[in-house]
Structures are given as C-alpha cells and as structure tokens.
Amino acid sequence: MASLVYLTTLRNAKLVDELTLAGHKVFDALDVSQALYFCEHERIDVIVIAADMEDFTEAQLRYITIRLKPEATAKELIWELVQLFPDKPVSIQ
C-alpha cells in the first residue's frame, strides 16, 4: 500500500475512494503548500498531480510525482503505484 498526496484543484471523491479501497492511504491537497505540509508530517511515497493542475511544475516538489492525463483512470493509477512500489502489499477489497 502506498501513501500518497493527490494534488488537484477539484475534489475527485471517486478516484480517492477507489485508491482507498485498493488499500492506499490518500491525502487530498488543493495547493502545493498543503501537499508539502502532508509530506512533512506524514510518510508520503508519491505525489499524484491531477490533470487540472495545468500551471504546476513537478520541479516545485522534491518528491516522486505522477502527473495524470485527463483520461487516466483509477485502475491505471493503481497499476502504476504497484509498479513503483512492488514491495508494498496492496489489499484488494
């Protein structure tokens, strides 16, 4: 299970719910400062940047990042997380 920050301008409860059901720990952040706060206070493996964050550059963060395309699905993101963190068991619910 990976621990991640989902950085977006809009709440996407469906994506967060699907990631949580797959066993990942997800924190929502609406801006970079909020994402960095979570990174400083929680054990975060990756920051997932939503497609709606157009003006955001990954260089602003010193963490592993995944930028989603508008057509990305939760299933694709879960697969990517398993590939990035194979030693972290995922619980399927």
PDB file of N, CA and C in Angstrom:
ATOM      1  N   MET A   1       0.852  -1.173   0.000  1.00  0.00           N
ATOM      2  CA  MET A   1       0.000   0.000   0.000  1.00  0.00           C
ATOM      3  C   MET A   1       0.894   1.231   0.000  1.00  0.00           C
ATOM      4  N   ALA A   2       0.653   2.120  -0.927  1.00  0.00           N
ATOM      5  CA  ALA A   2       1.409   3.363  -0.989  1.00  0.00           C
ATOM      6  C   ALA A   2       0.640   4.459  -0.270  1.00  0.00           C
ATOM      7  N   SER A   3       1.383   5.413   0.213  1.00  0.00           N
ATOM      8  CA  SER A   3       0.797   6.588   0.840  1.00  0.00           C
ATOM      9  C   SER A   3       1.036   7.744  -0.119  1.00  0.00           C
ATOM     10  N   LEU A   4      -0.022   8.450  -0.479  1.00  0.00           N
ATOM     11  CA  LEU A   4       0.128   9.476  -1.497  1.00  0.00           C
ATOM     12  C   LEU A   4      -0.665  10.726  -1.197  1.00  0.00           C
ATOM     13  N   VAL A   5      -0.225  11.814  -1.811  1.00  0.00           N
ATOM     14  CA  VAL A   5      -0.958  13.072  -1.791  1.00  0.00           C
ATOM     15  C   VAL A   5      -1.537  13.259  -3.182  1.00  0.00           C
ATOM     16  N   TYR A   6      -2.830  13.521  -3.255  1.00  0.00           N
ATOM     17  CA  TYR A   6      -3.496  13.786  -4.529  1.00  0.00           C
ATOM     18  C   TYR A   6      -3.666  15.298  -4.644  1.00  0.00           C
ATOM     19  N   LEU A   7      -2.871  15.921  -5.525  1.00  0.00           N
ATOM     20  CA  LEU A   7      -2.851  17.370  -5.696  1.00  0.00           C
ATOM     21  C   LEU A   7      -3.771  17.745  -6.851  1.00  0.00           C
ATOM     22  N   THR A   8      -4.817  18.506  -6.551  1.00  0.00           N
ATOM     23  CA  THR A   8      -5.836  18.838  -7.543  1.00  0.00           C
ATOM     24  C   THR A   8      -6.515  20.153  -7.186  1.00  0.00           C
ATOM     25  N   THR A   9      -7.148  20.763  -8.156  1.00  0.00           N
ATOM     26  CA  THR A   9      -7.929  21.970  -7.870  1.00  0.00           C
ATOM     27  C   THR A   9      -9.375  21.613  -7.563  1.00  0.00           C
ATOM     28  N   LEU A  10      -9.781  20.405  -7.910  1.00  0.00           N
ATOM     29  CA  LEU A  10     -11.142  19.937  -7.671  1.00  0.00           C
ATOM     30  C   LEU A  10     -11.097  18.627  -6.902  1.00  0.00           C
ATOM     31  N   ARG A  11     -12.015  18.436  -6.007  1.00  0.00           N
ATOM     32  CA  ARG A  11     -12.095  17.170  -5.272  1.00  0.00           C
ATOM     33  C   ARG A  11     -12.625  16.098  -6.219  1.00  0.00           C
ATOM     34  N   ASN A  12     -11.964  14.956  -6.236  1.00  0.00           N
ATOM     35  CA  ASN A  12     -12.413  13.825  -7.047  1.00  0.00           C
ATOM     36  C   ASN A  12     -12.635  12.655  -6.110  1.00  0.00           C
ATOM     37  N   ALA A  13     -13.763  12.647  -5.477  1.00  0.00           N
ATOM     38  CA  ALA A  13     -14.055  11.634  -4.465  1.00  0.00           C
ATOM     39  C   ALA A  13     -14.012  10.226  -5.045  1.00  0.00           C
ATOM     40  N   LYS A  14     -14.421  10.051  -6.296  1.00  0.00           N
ATOM     41  CA  LYS A  14     -14.437   8.719  -6.894  1.00  0.00           C
ATOM     42  C   LYS A  14     -13.018   8.161  -6.999  1.00  0.00           C
ATOM     43  N   LEU A  15     -12.079   8.943  -7.501  1.00  0.00           N
ATOM     44  CA  LEU A  15     -10.695   8.487  -7.621  1.00  0.00           C
ATOM     45  C   LEU A  15     -10.110   8.193  -6.244  1.00  0.00           C
ATOM     46  N   VAL A  16     -10.313   9.093  -5.308  1.00  0.00           N
ATOM     47  CA  VAL A  16      -9.796   8.902  -3.950  1.00  0.00           C
ATOM     48  C   VAL A  16     -10.422   7.660  -3.319  1.00  0.00           C
ATOM     49  N   ASP A  17     -11.713   7.477  -3.495  1.00  0.00           N
ATOM     50  CA  ASP A  17     -12.398   6.299  -2.950  1.00  0.00           C
ATOM     51  C   ASP A  17     -11.841   5.003  -3.530  1.00  0.00           C
ATOM     52  N   GLU A  18     -11.603   4.987  -4.848  1.00  0.00           N
ATOM     53  CA  GLU A  18     -11.080   3.775  -5.484  1.00  0.00           C
ATOM     54  C   GLU A  18      -9.662   3.473  -5.011  1.00  0.00           C
ATOM     55  N   LEU A  19      -8.840   4.500  -4.856  1.00  0.00           N
ATOM     56  CA  LEU A  19      -7.482   4.301  -4.349  1.00  0.00           C
ATOM     57  C   LEU A  19      -7.503   3.793  -2.917  1.00  0.00           C
ATOM     58  N   THR A  20      -8.393   4.350  -2.117  1.00  0.00           N
ATOM     59  CA  THR A  20      -8.528   3.936  -0.722  1.00  0.00           C
ATOM     60  C   THR A  20      -9.019   2.491  -0.634  1.00  0.00           C
ATOM     61  N   LEU A  21      -9.991   2.134  -1.456  1.00  0.00           N
ATOM     62  CA  LEU A  21     -10.496   0.755  -1.472  1.00  0.00           C
ATOM     63  C   LEU A  21      -9.416  -0.241  -1.892  1.00  0.00           C
ATOM     64  N   ALA A  22      -8.466   0.218  -2.721  1.00  0.00           N
ATOM     65  CA  ALA A  22      -7.365  -0.651  -3.149  1.00  0.00           C
ATOM     66  C   ALA A  22      -6.291  -0.754  -2.066  1.00  0.00           C
ATOM     67  N   GLY A  23      -6.473  -0.019  -0.969  1.00  0.00           N
ATOM     68  CA  GLY A  23      -5.561  -0.137   0.153  1.00  0.00           C
ATOM     69  C   GLY A  23      -4.544   0.976   0.293  1.00  0.00           C
ATOM     70  N   HIS A  24      -4.626   1.982  -0.547  1.00  0.00           N
ATOM     71  CA  HIS A  24      -3.680   3.089  -0.469  1.00  0.00           C
ATOM     72  C   HIS A  24      -4.178   4.158   0.501  1.00  0.00           C
ATOM     73  N   LYS A  25      -3.237   4.836   1.129  1.00  0.00           N
ATOM     74  CA  LYS A  25      -3.579   5.934   2.030  1.00  0.00           C
ATOM     75  C   LYS A  25      -3.481   7.217   1.215  1.00  0.00           C
ATOM     76  N   VAL A  26      -4.580   7.972   1.136  1.00  0.00           N
ATOM     77  CA  VAL A  26      -4.655   9.135   0.250  1.00  0.00           C
ATOM     78  C   VAL A  26      -4.967  10.396   1.051  1.00  0.00           C
ATOM     79  N   PHE A  27      -4.181  11.450   0.781  1.00  0.00           N
ATOM     80  CA  PHE A  27      -4.427  12.775   1.343  1.00  0.00           C
ATOM     81  C   PHE A  27      -4.750  13.716   0.192  1.00  0.00           C
ATOM     82  N   ASP A  28      -5.853  14.459   0.289  1.00  0.00           N
ATOM     83  CA  ASP A  28      -6.211  15.464  -0.715  1.00  0.00           C
ATOM     84  C   ASP A  28      -5.491  16.765  -0.426  1.00  0.00           C
ATOM     85  N   ALA A  29      -4.964  17.401  -1.468  1.00  0.00           N
ATOM     86  CA  ALA A  29      -4.353  18.720  -1.324  1.00  0.00           C
ATOM     87  C   ALA A  29      -4.846  19.595  -2.470  1.00  0.00           C
ATOM     88  N   LEU A  30      -5.256  20.806  -2.132  1.00  0.00           N
ATOM     89  CA  LEU A  30      -5.758  21.729  -3.138  1.00  0.00           C
ATOM     90  C   LEU A  30      -4.709  22.722  -3.614  1.00  0.00           C
ATOM     91  N   ASP A  31      -3.550  22.728  -2.977  1.00  0.00           N
ATOM     92  CA  ASP A  31      -2.450  23.582  -3.435  1.00  0.00           C
ATOM     93  C   ASP A  31      -1.118  22.981  -3.002  1.00  0.00           C
ATOM     94  N   VAL A  32      -0.036  23.527  -3.540  1.00  0.00           N
ATOM     95  CA  VAL A  32       1.294  22.977  -3.291  1.00  0.00           C
ATOM     96  C   VAL A  32       1.664  23.039  -1.812  1.00  0.00           C
ATOM     97  N   SER A  33       1.332  24.141  -1.141  1.00  0.00           N
ATOM     98  CA  SER A  33       1.703  24.256   0.270  1.00  0.00           C
ATOM     99  C   SER A  33       1.027  23.178   1.111  1.00  0.00           C
ATOM    100  N   GLN A  34      -0.198  22.846   0.780  1.00  0.00           N
ATOM    101  CA  GLN A  34      -0.910  21.786   1.501  1.00  0.00           C
ATOM    102  C   GLN A  34      -0.261  20.424   1.219  1.00  0.00           C
ATOM    103  N   ALA A  35       0.147  20.192  -0.022  1.00  0.00           N
ATOM    104  CA  ALA A  35       0.827  18.941  -0.376  1.00  0.00           C
ATOM    105  C   ALA A  35       2.137  18.822   0.388  1.00  0.00           C
ATOM    106  N   LEU A  36       2.897  19.909   0.441  1.00  0.00           N
ATOM    107  CA  LEU A  36       4.170  19.891   1.160  1.00  0.00           C
ATOM    108  C   LEU A  36       3.969  19.683   2.658  1.00  0.00           C
ATOM    109  N   TYR A  37       2.897  20.229   3.206  1.00  0.00           N
ATOM    110  CA  TYR A  37       2.575  20.021   4.618  1.00  0.00           C
ATOM    111  C   TYR A  37       2.405  18.528   4.902  1.00  0.00           C
ATOM    112  N   PHE A  38       1.615  17.858   4.055  1.00  0.00           N
ATOM    113  CA  PHE A  38       1.409  16.419   4.241  1.00  0.00           C
ATOM    114  C   PHE A  38       2.741  15.663   4.134  1.00  0.00           C
ATOM    115  N   CYS A  39       3.587  16.072   3.189  1.00  0.00           N
ATOM    116  CA  CYS A  39       4.883  15.405   3.013  1.00  0.00           C
ATOM    117  C   CYS A  39       5.782  15.570   4.232  1.00  0.00           C
ATOM    118  N   GLU A  40       5.656  16.693   4.907  1.00  0.00           N
ATOM    119  CA  GLU A  40       6.473  16.947   6.085  1.00  0.00           C
ATOM    120  C   GLU A  40       5.954  16.237   7.333  1.00  0.00           C
ATOM    121  N   HIS A  41       4.646  15.966   7.374  1.00  0.00           N
ATOM    122  CA  HIS A  41       4.043  15.418   8.590  1.00  0.00           C
ATOM    123  C   HIS A  41       3.569  13.973   8.474  1.00  0.00           C
ATOM    124  N   GLU A  42       3.586  13.411   7.295  1.00  0.00           N
ATOM    125  CA  GLU A  42       3.157  12.035   7.073  1.00  0.00           C
ATOM    126  C   GLU A  42       4.231  11.327   6.260  1.00  0.00           C
ATOM    127  N   ARG A  43       4.182  10.017   6.238  1.00  0.00           N
ATOM    128  CA  ARG A  43       5.088   9.255   5.387  1.00  0.00           C
ATOM    129  C   ARG A  43       4.444   9.145   4.008  1.00  0.00           C
ATOM    130  N   ILE A  44       4.902   9.975   3.083  1.00  0.00           N
ATOM    131  CA  ILE A  44       4.321  10.040   1.743  1.00  0.00           C
ATOM    132  C   ILE A  44       5.289   9.409   0.746  1.00  0.00           C
ATOM    133  N   ASP A  45       4.769   8.473  -0.062  1.00  0.00           N
ATOM    134  CA  ASP A  45       5.588   7.807  -1.067  1.00  0.00           C
ATOM    135  C   ASP A  45       5.615   8.570  -2.387  1.00  0.00           C
ATOM    136  N   VAL A  46       4.504   9.190  -2.745  1.00  0.00           N
ATOM    137  CA  VAL A  46       4.396   9.827  -4.060  1.00  0.00           C
ATOM    138  C   VAL A  46       3.331  10.921  -4.022  1.00  0.00           C
ATOM    139  N   ILE A  47       3.533  11.932  -4.836  1.00  0.00           N
ATOM    140  CA  ILE A  47       2.518  12.966  -5.026  1.00  0.00           C
ATOM    141  C   ILE A  47       1.918  12.760  -6.402  1.00  0.00           C
ATOM    142  N   VAL A  48       0.603  12.602  -6.463  1.00  0.00           N
ATOM    143  CA  VAL A  48      -0.116  12.434  -7.720  1.00  0.00           C
ATOM    144  C   VAL A  48      -0.711  13.783  -8.094  1.00  0.00           C
ATOM    145  N   ILE A  49      -0.340  14.271  -9.279  1.00  0.00           N
ATOM    146  CA  ILE A  49      -0.786  15.586  -9.735  1.00  0.00           C
ATOM    147  C   ILE A  49      -1.909  15.393 -10.741  1.00  0.00           C
ATOM    148  N   ALA A  50      -3.071  15.918 -10.433  1.00  0.00           N
ATOM    149  CA  ALA A  50      -4.233  15.793 -11.311  1.00  0.00           C
ATOM    150  C   ALA A  50      -4.028  16.571 -12.601  1.00  0.00           C
ATOM    151  N   ALA A  51      -4.752  16.154 -13.627  1.00  0.00           N
ATOM    152  CA  ALA A  51      -4.651  16.811 -14.935  1.00  0.00           C
ATOM    153  C   ALA A  51      -5.094  18.265 -14.886  1.00  0.00           C
ATOM    154  N   ASP A  52      -5.935  18.622 -13.918  1.00  0.00           N
ATOM    155  CA  ASP A  52      -6.425  20.001 -13.839  1.00  0.00           C
ATOM    156  C   ASP A  52      -5.390  20.982 -13.285  1.00  0.00           C
ATOM    157  N   MET A  53      -4.230  20.486 -12.861  1.00  0.00           N
ATOM    158  CA  MET A  53      -3.152  21.340 -12.346  1.00  0.00           C
ATOM    159  C   MET A  53      -2.226  21.716 -13.504  1.00  0.00           C
ATOM    160  N   GLU A  54      -2.739  22.464 -14.465  1.00  0.00           N
ATOM    161  CA  GLU A  54      -2.012  22.777 -15.696  1.00  0.00           C
ATOM    162  C   GLU A  54      -0.759  23.604 -15.468  1.00  0.00           C
ATOM    163  N   ASP A  55      -0.802  24.593 -14.617  1.00  0.00           N
ATOM    164  CA  ASP A  55       0.327  25.502 -14.441  1.00  0.00           C
ATOM    165  C   ASP A  55       1.331  25.011 -13.410  1.00  0.00           C
ATOM    166  N   PHE A  56       1.171  23.802 -12.965  1.00  0.00           N
ATOM    167  CA  PHE A  56       2.025  23.282 -11.908  1.00  0.00           C
ATOM    168  C   PHE A  56       3.201  22.538 -12.523  1.00  0.00           C
ATOM    169  N   THR A  57       4.369  22.762 -12.001  1.00  0.00           N
ATOM    170  CA  THR A  57       5.546  22.045 -12.472  1.00  0.00           C
ATOM    171  C   THR A  57       6.051  21.100 -11.389  1.00  0.00           C
ATOM    172  N   GLU A  58       6.413  19.889 -11.790  1.00  0.00           N
ATOM    173  CA  GLU A  58       6.889  18.883 -10.853  1.00  0.00           C
ATOM    174  C   GLU A  58       8.184  19.330 -10.184  1.00  0.00           C
ATOM    175  N   ALA A  59       8.926  20.229 -10.821  1.00  0.00           N
ATOM    176  CA  ALA A  59      10.194  20.705 -10.261  1.00  0.00           C
ATOM    177  C   ALA A  59       9.992  21.452  -8.943  1.00  0.00           C
ATOM    178  N   GLN A  60       8.761  21.886  -8.663  1.00  0.00           N
ATOM    179  CA  GLN A  60       8.477  22.592  -7.418  1.00  0.00           C
ATOM    180  C   GLN A  60       8.538  21.646  -6.213  1.00  0.00           C
ATOM    181  N   LEU A  61       8.500  20.355  -6.472  1.00  0.00           N
ATOM    182  CA  LEU A  61       8.480  19.374  -5.389  1.00  0.00           C
ATOM    183  C   LEU A  61       9.757  18.547  -5.419  1.00  0.00           C
ATOM    184  N   ARG A  62      10.179  18.097  -4.270  1.00  0.00           N
ATOM    185  CA  ARG A  62      11.359  17.239  -4.176  1.00  0.00           C
ATOM    186  C   ARG A  62      10.940  15.810  -3.837  1.00  0.00           C
ATOM    187  N   TYR A  63       9.847  15.396  -4.394  1.00  0.00           N
ATOM    188  CA  TYR A  63       9.287  14.075  -4.127  1.00  0.00           C
ATOM    189  C   TYR A  63       8.986  13.378  -5.446  1.00  0.00           C
ATOM    190  N   ILE A  64       8.807  12.074  -5.383  1.00  0.00           N
ATOM    191  CA  ILE A  64       8.378  11.343  -6.572  1.00  0.00           C
ATOM    192  C   ILE A  64       6.995  11.854  -6.940  1.00  0.00           C
ATOM    193  N   THR A  65       6.786  12.129  -8.228  1.00  0.00           N
ATOM    194  CA  THR A  65       5.488  12.634  -8.680  1.00  0.00           C
ATOM    195  C   THR A  65       4.981  11.819  -9.859  1.00  0.00           C
ATOM    196  N   ILE A  66       3.672  11.754  -9.959  1.00  0.00           N
ATOM    197  CA  ILE A  66       2.987  11.179 -11.115  1.00  0.00           C
ATOM    198  C   ILE A  66       2.006  12.232 -11.585  1.00  0.00           C
ATOM    199  N   ARG A  67       2.101  12.620 -12.860  1.00  0.00           N
ATOM    200  CA  ARG A  67       1.136  13.573 -13.432  1.00  0.00           C
ATOM    201  C   ARG A  67       0.105  12.772 -14.221  1.00  0.00           C
ATOM    202  N   LEU A  68      -1.163  12.961 -13.861  1.00  0.00           N
ATOM    203  CA  LEU A  68      -2.243  12.262 -14.544  1.00  0.00           C
ATOM    204  C   LEU A  68      -2.643  12.987 -15.818  1.00  0.00           C
ATOM    205  N   LYS A  69      -3.012  12.221 -16.827  1.00  0.00           N
ATOM    206  CA  LYS A  69      -3.617  12.770 -18.044  1.00  0.00           C
ATOM    207  C   LYS A  69      -5.116  12.825 -17.796  1.00  0.00           C
ATOM    208  N   PRO A  70      -5.825  13.679 -18.536  1.00  0.00           N
ATOM    209  CA  PRO A  70      -7.274  13.800 -18.288  1.00  0.00           C
ATOM    210  C   PRO A  70      -8.037  12.479 -18.387  1.00  0.00           C
ATOM    211  N   GLU A  71      -7.583  11.579 -19.232  1.00  0.00           N
ATOM    212  CA  GLU A  71      -8.296  10.313 -19.421  1.00  0.00           C
ATOM    213  C   GLU A  71      -7.841   9.211 -18.463  1.00  0.00           C
ATOM    214  N   ALA A  72      -6.939   9.494 -17.554  1.00  0.00           N
ATOM    215  CA  ALA A  72      -6.417   8.487 -16.624  1.00  0.00           C
ATOM    216  C   ALA A  72      -7.516   7.942 -15.727  1.00  0.00           C
ATOM    217  N   THR A  73      -7.420   6.660 -15.450  1.00  0.00           N
ATOM    218  CA  THR A  73      -8.393   6.010 -14.576  1.00  0.00           C
ATOM    219  C   THR A  73      -7.724   5.592 -13.271  1.00  0.00           C
ATOM    220  N   ALA A  74      -8.528   5.310 -12.281  1.00  0.00           N
ATOM    221  CA  ALA A  74      -8.009   4.831 -11.001  1.00  0.00           C
ATOM    222  C   ALA A  74      -7.300   3.496 -11.191  1.00  0.00           C
ATOM    223  N   LYS A  75      -7.831   2.639 -12.053  1.00  0.00           N
ATOM    224  CA  LYS A  75      -7.215   1.340 -12.307  1.00  0.00           C
ATOM    225  C   LYS A  75      -5.794   1.510 -12.850  1.00  0.00           C
ATOM    226  N   GLU A  76      -5.602   2.443 -13.764  1.00  0.00           N
ATOM    227  CA  GLU A  76      -4.271   2.701 -14.322  1.00  0.00           C
ATOM    228  C   GLU A  76      -3.323   3.249 -13.257  1.00  0.00           C
ATOM    229  N   LEU A  77      -3.837   4.136 -12.429  1.00  0.00           N
ATOM    230  CA  LEU A  77      -3.008   4.709 -11.367  1.00  0.00           C
ATOM    231  C   LEU A  77      -2.624   3.637 -10.342  1.00  0.00           C
ATOM    232  N   ILE A  78      -3.551   2.786  -9.987  1.00  0.00           N
ATOM    233  CA  ILE A  78      -3.261   1.704  -9.049  1.00  0.00           C
ATOM    234  C   ILE A  78      -2.187   0.789  -9.632  1.00  0.00           C
ATOM    235  N   TRP A  79      -2.286   0.471 -10.913  1.00  0.00           N
ATOM    236  CA  TRP A  79      -1.268  -0.358 -11.563  1.00  0.00           C
ATOM    237  C   TRP A  79       0.100   0.321 -11.479  1.00  0.00           C
ATOM    238  N   GLU A  80       0.134   1.615 -11.763  1.00  0.00           N
ATOM    239  CA  GLU A  80       1.393   2.372 -11.712  1.00  0.00           C
ATOM    240  C   GLU A  80       1.982   2.364 -10.303  1.00  0.00           C
ATOM    241  N   LEU A  81       1.143   2.525  -9.301  1.00  0.00           N
ATOM    242  CA  LEU A  81       1.624   2.504  -7.919  1.00  0.00           C
ATOM    243  C   LEU A  81       2.210   1.144  -7.551  1.00  0.00           C
ATOM    244  N   VAL A  82       1.587   0.066  -8.014  1.00  0.00           N
ATOM    245  CA  VAL A  82       2.105  -1.271  -7.748  1.00  0.00           C
ATOM    246  C   VAL A  82       3.465  -1.446  -8.426  1.00  0.00           C
ATOM    247  N   GLN A  83       3.631  -0.880  -9.627  1.00  0.00           N
ATOM    248  CA  GLN A  83       4.913  -0.982 -10.327  1.00  0.00           C
ATOM    249  C   GLN A  83       5.996  -0.166  -9.616  1.00  0.00           C
ATOM    250  N   LEU A  84       5.633   0.995  -9.114  1.00  0.00           N
ATOM    251  CA  LEU A  84       6.601   1.852  -8.427  1.00  0.00           C
ATOM    252  C   LEU A  84       6.985   1.312  -7.055  1.00  0.00           C
ATOM    253  N   PHE A  85       6.043   0.714  -6.366  1.00  0.00           N
ATOM    254  CA  PHE A  85       6.264   0.251  -5.002  1.00  0.00           C
ATOM    255  C   PHE A  85       5.881  -1.232  -4.884  1.00  0.00           C
ATOM    256  N   PRO A  86       6.630  -2.116  -5.547  1.00  0.00           N
ATOM    257  CA  PRO A  86       6.255  -3.540  -5.560  1.00  0.00           C
ATOM    258  C   PRO A  86       6.378  -4.221  -4.211  1.00  0.00           C
ATOM    259  N   ASP A  87       7.184  -3.683  -3.314  1.00  0.00           N
ATOM    260  CA  ASP A  87       7.349  -4.319  -2.008  1.00  0.00           C
ATOM    261  C   ASP A  87       6.302  -3.887  -1.008  1.00  0.00           C
ATOM    262  N   LYS A  88       5.399  -3.013  -1.413  1.00  0.00           N
ATOM    263  CA  LYS A  88       4.322  -2.569  -0.533  1.00  0.00           C
ATOM    264  C   LYS A  88       3.071  -3.352  -0.910  1.00  0.00           C
ATOM    265  N   PRO A  89       2.619  -4.273  -0.068  1.00  0.00           N
ATOM    266  CA  PRO A  89       1.456  -5.094  -0.420  1.00  0.00           C
ATOM    267  C   PRO A  89       0.203  -4.247  -0.585  1.00  0.00           C
ATOM    268  N   VAL A  90      -0.589  -4.594  -1.574  1.00  0.00           N
ATOM    269  CA  VAL A  90      -1.852  -3.903  -1.836  1.00  0.00           C
ATOM    270  C   VAL A  90      -2.971  -4.816  -1.400  1.00  0.00           C
ATOM    271  N   SER A  91      -3.896  -4.275  -0.638  1.00  0.00           N
ATOM    272  CA  SER A  91      -5.039  -5.080  -0.234  1.00  0.00           C
ATOM    273  C   SER A  91      -6.196  -4.799  -1.180  1.00  0.00           C
ATOM    274  N   ILE A  92      -6.704  -5.822  -1.782  1.00  0.00           N
ATOM    275  CA  ILE A  92      -7.836  -5.691  -2.699  1.00  0.00           C
ATOM    276  C   ILE A  92      -9.109  -5.917  -1.898  1.00  0.00           C
ATOM    277  N   GLN A  93     -10.024  -4.962  -1.986  1.00  0.00           N
ATOM    278  CA  GLN A  93     -11.270  -5.070  -1.246  1.00  0.00           C
ATOM    279  C   GLN A  93     -12.435  -5.136  -2.197  1.00  0.00           C
TER     280      GLN A  93
END
